[in-house]
């Protein structure tokens, strides 16, 4: 599956090919490529829409991601 990541700060976007959708894999990609200010991130994901949110430790939206099969 392909995941499209978008980080609001700096308007950073990239795609990644992953074989399993889990938070550890998503966080690794975000920390490596997203130029985020903190490692304390929270993810939410809706299986129906295939879209998720990336939140910082203050529960503020800092980005999003979506999956494609």
Protein backbone atom coordinates (compact mmCIF):
# COMPACT_ATOMS: atom_id res chain seq x y z
CA UNK A 1 0.00 0.00 0.00
CA UNK A 2 1.09 3.58 -0.56
CA UNK A 3 0.79 6.25 2.12
CA UNK A 4 0.79 9.93 1.22
CA UNK A 5 2.05 12.13 4.07
CA UNK A 6 1.52 15.89 4.40
CA UNK A 7 3.11 18.05 7.09
CA UNK A 8 1.59 21.53 7.34
CA UNK A 9 4.76 23.32 8.55
CA UNK A 10 6.94 23.83 5.53
CA UNK A 11 4.33 22.26 3.25
CA UNK A 12 6.22 18.94 3.21
CA UNK A 13 4.70 16.00 1.29
CA UNK A 14 5.97 12.57 0.33
CA UNK A 15 4.76 9.07 -0.51
CA UNK A 16 5.96 5.84 1.05
CA UNK A 17 5.35 2.23 0.10
CA UNK A 18 4.58 0.15 3.21
CA UNK A 19 3.56 -3.47 3.64
CA UNK A 20 1.78 -3.16 6.99
CA UNK A 21 -0.20 -0.24 8.38
CA UNK A 22 0.69 0.37 12.01
CA UNK A 23 1.63 3.37 14.11
CA UNK A 24 5.31 2.39 14.52
CA UNK A 25 5.87 2.33 10.77
CA UNK A 26 3.93 5.57 10.21
CA UNK A 27 5.79 7.35 13.02
CA UNK A 28 9.17 6.20 11.66
CA UNK A 29 8.36 7.73 8.27
CA UNK A 30 7.09 10.96 9.84
CA UNK A 31 10.15 11.36 12.07
CA UNK A 32 12.60 10.59 9.25
CA UNK A 33 11.02 12.71 6.50
CA UNK A 34 8.65 15.17 8.15
CA UNK A 35 11.03 17.63 9.83
CA UNK A 36 8.74 17.72 12.88
CA UNK A 37 9.60 19.56 16.10
CA UNK A 38 8.70 16.76 18.50
CA UNK A 39 8.80 12.98 18.71
CA UNK A 40 5.69 12.94 20.92
CA UNK A 41 3.09 12.53 18.16
CA UNK A 42 -0.36 11.02 18.07
CA UNK A 43 -2.03 9.47 15.07
CA UNK A 44 -5.70 8.94 14.32
CA UNK A 45 -6.95 6.93 11.36
CA UNK A 46 -10.36 6.26 9.80
CA UNK A 47 -10.54 2.92 7.99
CA UNK A 48 -13.65 3.97 6.08
CA UNK A 49 -12.01 6.98 4.41
CA UNK A 50 -8.38 5.79 4.46
CA UNK A 51 -7.34 9.13 5.97
CA UNK A 52 -5.57 10.01 9.17
CA UNK A 53 -4.41 12.98 11.23
CA UNK A 54 -1.02 13.71 12.77
CA UNK A 55 -1.27 15.58 16.07
CA UNK A 56 1.43 17.04 18.32
CA UNK A 57 1.55 16.65 22.10
CA UNK A 58 -0.75 19.71 22.46
CA UNK A 59 -3.37 17.87 20.37
CA UNK A 60 -2.86 20.35 17.48
CA UNK A 61 -3.08 19.19 13.89
CA UNK A 62 0.38 19.27 12.30
CA UNK A 63 -0.32 17.07 9.27
CA UNK A 64 -2.30 14.26 7.71
CA UNK A 65 -1.87 11.07 5.77
CA UNK A 66 -3.92 8.91 3.45
CA UNK A 67 -3.60 5.35 2.21
CA UNK A 68 -3.94 3.95 -1.30
CA UNK A 69 -4.06 0.27 -2.23
